């Protein structure tokens, strides 16, 4: 077990991690200093020893919240998430580190208002795709009473890993160990929900999944 305690002795929260082969483990998350910063740690997967740490404090010196990490080749680490600007609204922010944890570049996007990046993907070339969200939108299920019938798109599940309970088998039909599913929401962010949990990772869903 390894713990990380930031310089402010405040709240440090892991948000995402990635593994390269059998040697390298990367964890990124928030760490309090003046506000929340990006904090990325590279560990030795074999021993758990810290190889390097990298802290990023955005231009607004406010809260910087990483949500996704991706690795490419043997020397590229990409982090994306959201960072407060000097005006106090959020831009999405992507950074790249080299194999030694040295910042190679950072890239911000301001679409006006709050912009939240939740995920990203790399292609085989030199392109990074980022899932971006701006202002929260709502699904209205009752036009006669919008306030009661409104549901935020960030809470609406649209796609998830297959889930099923199969009696008599040594293992249930979970997509991940420990049991649970990755759930894609309408706003584009992905959340891992352990079983049993909130919809759609519920006992009722598992029974339905068994029949499919």
Protein backbone atom coordinates (compact mmCIF):
# COMPACT_ATOMS: atom_id res chain seq x y z
CA UNK A 1 0.00 0.00 0.00
CA UNK A 2 1.23 3.49 -0.86
CA UNK A 3 -0.11 6.85 0.31
CA UNK A 4 0.52 10.37 -0.94
CA UNK A 5 0.12 13.42 1.30
CA UNK A 6 0.44 16.79 -0.42
CA UNK A 7 2.28 19.89 0.84
CA UNK A 8 -0.85 21.44 2.40
CA UNK A 9 -1.59 18.25 4.38
CA UNK A 10 -5.10 18.54 2.91
CA UNK A 11 -7.32 16.43 0.69
CA UNK A 12 -5.53 14.36 -1.98
CA UNK A 13 -7.80 12.29 -4.22
CA UNK A 14 -6.84 9.79 -6.92
CA UNK A 15 -8.97 10.22 -10.06
CA UNK A 16 -7.45 7.87 -12.67
CA UNK A 17 -4.57 5.49 -13.22
CA UNK A 18 -2.81 3.63 -16.01
CA UNK A 19 -0.32 0.75 -16.19
CA UNK A 20 2.46 0.28 -18.74
CA UNK A 21 3.45 -3.36 -19.05
CA UNK A 22 4.64 -4.91 -15.79
CA UNK A 23 6.93 -2.05 -14.76
CA UNK A 24 5.17 1.31 -14.51
CA UNK A 25 2.07 2.46 -12.64
CA UNK A 26 0.77 6.03 -13.05
CA UNK A 27 -1.81 7.64 -10.78
CA UNK A 28 -3.23 11.12 -11.30
CA UNK A 29 -5.60 13.11 -9.14
CA UNK A 30 -6.15 16.29 -7.17
CA UNK A 31 -3.85 17.54 -4.43
CA UNK A 32 -4.43 20.63 -2.30
CA UNK A 33 -1.85 23.42 -2.26
CA UNK A 34 -3.29 26.92 -2.74
CA UNK A 35 -6.22 25.15 -4.42
CA UNK A 36 -6.61 21.77 -6.09
CA UNK A 37 -3.73 20.98 -8.46
CA UNK A 38 -3.10 18.17 -10.93
CA UNK A 39 -0.83 15.70 -9.13
CA UNK A 40 0.61 12.76 -11.05
CA UNK A 41 2.76 10.04 -9.49
CA UNK A 42 4.75 7.35 -11.25
CA UNK A 43 5.34 4.21 -9.19
CA UNK A 44 7.37 1.10 -9.75
CA UNK A 45 4.72 -1.55 -10.32
CA UNK A 46 7.02 -4.17 -8.84
CA UNK A 47 7.92 -2.43 -5.57
CA UNK A 48 5.45 0.45 -5.17
CA UNK A 49 8.33 2.91 -4.82
CA UNK A 50 7.75 6.44 -6.13
CA UNK A 51 9.73 7.14 -9.30
CA UNK A 52 8.60 10.76 -9.72
CA UNK A 53 5.81 13.19 -8.92
CA UNK A 54 4.59 16.06 -11.09
CA UNK A 55 2.37 18.90 -9.89
CA UNK A 56 0.53 21.29 -12.20
CA UNK A 57 -1.04 24.55 -11.03
CA UNK A 58 -3.06 26.34 -13.72
CA UNK A 59 -2.87 29.95 -14.82
CA UNK A 60 -5.81 30.96 -12.62
CA UNK A 61 -4.19 29.50 -9.47
CA UNK A 62 -7.60 28.01 -8.69
CA UNK A 63 -8.81 24.44 -8.86
CA UNK A 64 -7.32 22.04 -11.42
CA UNK A 65 -9.08 18.68 -11.63
CA UNK A 66 -7.65 15.84 -13.76
CA UNK A 67 -10.02 13.07 -14.82
CA UNK A 68 -8.22 10.89 -17.36
CA UNK A 69 -4.74 9.61 -18.15
CA UNK A 70 -3.35 7.96 -21.29
CA UNK A 71 0.05 6.49 -22.12
CA UNK A 72 1.81 6.17 -25.46
CA UNK A 73 5.11 4.54 -26.34
CA UNK A 74 7.64 4.36 -23.50
CA UNK A 75 7.94 8.05 -22.74
CA UNK A 76 4.63 9.86 -23.15
CA UNK A 77 2.09 10.55 -20.41
CA UNK A 78 -1.04 12.59 -21.15
CA UNK A 79 -3.44 14.01 -18.53
CA UNK A 80 -6.70 15.81 -19.23
CA UNK A 81 -9.32 17.46 -17.06
CA UNK A 82 -10.53 20.94 -16.09
CA UNK A 83 -8.72 24.02 -14.85
CA UNK A 84 -10.02 27.33 -13.49
CA UNK A 85 -9.05 30.41 -15.44
CA UNK A 86 -8.23 33.81 -13.97
CA UNK A 87 -11.92 34.68 -14.41
CA UNK A 88 -12.98 31.73 -12.26
CA UNK A 89 -14.67 29.64 -14.96
CA UNK A 90 -13.32 26.27 -16.08
CA UNK A 91 -11.42 25.42 -19.26
CA UNK A 92 -10.37 21.98 -20.18
CA UNK A 93 -6.69 21.40 -19.81
CA UNK A 94 -4.43 18.70 -21.25
CA UNK A 95 -0.77 18.26 -20.32
CA UNK A 96 1.98 15.98 -21.56
CA UNK A 97 4.90 14.70 -19.49
CA UNK A 98 7.99 12.85 -20.64
CA UNK A 99 9.38 9.65 -19.12
CA UNK A 100 10.97 11.64 -16.28
CA UNK A 101 7.85 13.58 -15.34
CA UNK A 102 9.02 16.81 -17.02
CA UNK A 103 6.22 18.90 -18.52
CA UNK A 104 6.48 18.97 -22.32
CA UNK A 105 3.43 21.12 -23.09
CA UNK A 106 0.05 22.18 -21.80
CA UNK A 107 -3.04 23.03 -23.83
CA UNK A 108 -6.17 24.88 -22.70
CA UNK A 109 -9.55 25.23 -24.39
CA UNK A 110 -12.08 27.91 -23.47
CA UNK A 111 -15.45 27.50 -25.16
CA UNK A 112 -17.08 30.20 -23.07
CA UNK A 113 -18.55 29.41 -19.68
CA UNK A 114 -17.52 26.24 -17.88
CA UNK A 115 -15.82 23.54 -19.99
CA UNK A 116 -15.24 20.14 -18.43
CA UNK A 117 -13.08 17.40 -20.00
CA UNK A 118 -13.88 13.89 -18.78
CA UNK A 119 -11.97 11.51 -21.03
CA UNK A 120 -9.59 11.29 -23.97
CA UNK A 121 -8.15 8.81 -26.45
CA UNK A 122 -5.01 8.63 -28.59
CA UNK A 123 -4.92 7.41 -32.16
CA UNK A 124 -1.95 5.79 -33.86
CA UNK A 125 -0.65 9.14 -35.07
CA UNK A 126 -0.35 12.47 -33.31
CA UNK A 127 -3.98 13.20 -32.48
CA UNK A 128 -5.62 13.40 -29.03
CA UNK A 129 -9.40 13.19 -28.83
CA UNK A 130 -11.00 14.72 -25.75
CA UNK A 131 -14.57 14.33 -24.55
CA UNK A 132 -15.65 17.87 -23.74
CA UNK A 133 -18.63 19.18 -21.85
CA UNK A 134 -19.77 22.79 -21.57
CA UNK A 135 -22.82 24.05 -19.71
CA UNK A 136 -24.90 21.34 -18.02
CA UNK A 137 -28.07 20.52 -19.96
CA UNK A 138 -31.23 18.91 -18.65
CA UNK A 139 -33.70 16.36 -19.95
CA UNK A 140 -37.27 17.51 -19.28
CA UNK A 141 -39.71 14.63 -18.83
CA UNK A 142 -42.74 16.74 -17.87
CA UNK A 143 -43.19 19.97 -19.84
CA UNK A 144 -45.99 21.02 -17.51
CA UNK A 145 -43.67 20.87 -14.52
CA UNK A 146 -40.09 21.35 -15.79
CA UNK A 147 -38.57 21.81 -12.34
CA UNK A 148 -39.87 18.44 -11.10
CA UNK A 149 -39.26 16.64 -14.39
CA UNK A 150 -35.70 17.87 -15.09
CA UNK A 151 -32.78 15.47 -15.01
CA UNK A 152 -29.19 16.56 -15.56
CA UNK A 153 -27.49 14.92 -18.52
CA UNK A 154 -24.49 14.06 -16.34
CA UNK A 155 -26.77 11.67 -14.41
CA UNK A 156 -28.36 9.92 -17.42
CA UNK A 157 -26.71 6.59 -18.27
CA UNK A 158 -26.65 5.85 -22.00
CA UNK A 159 -24.30 2.87 -22.35
CA UNK A 160 -22.60 0.42 -19.99
CA UNK A 161 -20.67 -2.83 -19.86
CA UNK A 162 -22.68 -6.04 -19.92
CA UNK A 163 -23.71 -7.21 -16.48
CA UNK A 164 -25.35 -10.49 -15.52
CA UNK A 165 -25.74 -12.91 -12.61
CA UNK A 166 -25.40 -16.51 -13.73
CA UNK A 167 -26.36 -19.10 -11.07
CA UNK A 168 -24.15 -22.16 -10.98
CA UNK A 169 -21.09 -20.44 -12.41
CA UNK A 170 -17.96 -19.80 -10.41
CA UNK A 171 -17.91 -16.18 -11.55
CA UNK A 172 -20.70 -13.78 -12.31
CA UNK A 173 -20.88 -11.87 -15.55
CA UNK A 174 -19.10 -8.73 -14.47
CA UNK A 175 -17.02 -6.85 -16.98
CA UNK A 176 -14.45 -5.95 -14.30
CA UNK A 177 -12.96 -7.35 -11.13
CA UNK A 178 -14.04 -6.22 -8.59
CA UNK A 179 -17.53 -6.58 -10.00
CA UNK A 180 -18.94 -3.52 -11.68
CA UNK A 181 -19.32 -1.64 -14.94
CA UNK A 182 -18.04 1.41 -16.75
CA UNK A 183 -21.05 3.64 -17.45
CA UNK A 184 -21.15 6.28 -20.20
CA UNK A 185 -23.42 9.23 -19.37
CA UNK A 186 -25.22 11.59 -21.72
CA UNK A 187 -22.73 14.40 -21.09
CA UNK A 188 -19.84 12.16 -22.24
CA UNK A 189 -18.18 11.31 -18.93
CA UNK A 190 -17.50 7.72 -17.88
CA UNK A 191 -17.93 6.47 -14.32
CA UNK A 192 -17.02 3.09 -12.83
CA UNK A 193 -19.85 1.84 -10.58
CA UNK A 194 -19.33 -1.19 -8.34
CA UNK A 195 -22.03 -3.84 -8.07
CA UNK A 196 -24.51 -3.52 -6.48
CA UNK A 197 -24.85 0.23 -6.91
CA UNK A 198 -26.96 2.86 -8.54
CA UNK A 199 -28.64 2.39 -11.91
CA UNK A 200 -27.74 0.73 -14.19
CA UNK A 201 -25.45 -1.44 -12.03
CA UNK A 202 -28.26 -2.91 -9.93
CA UNK A 203 -29.53 -6.38 -9.07
CA UNK A 204 -32.50 -5.89 -11.38
CA UNK A 205 -30.19 -4.99 -14.27
CA UNK A 206 -28.08 -8.07 -13.58
CA UNK A 207 -31.13 -10.33 -13.81
CA UNK A 208 -32.10 -8.73 -17.11
CA UNK A 209 -28.53 -9.10 -18.37
CA UNK A 210 -28.64 -12.82 -17.65
CA UNK A 211 -31.44 -13.21 -20.16
CA UNK A 212 -29.61 -11.49 -23.01
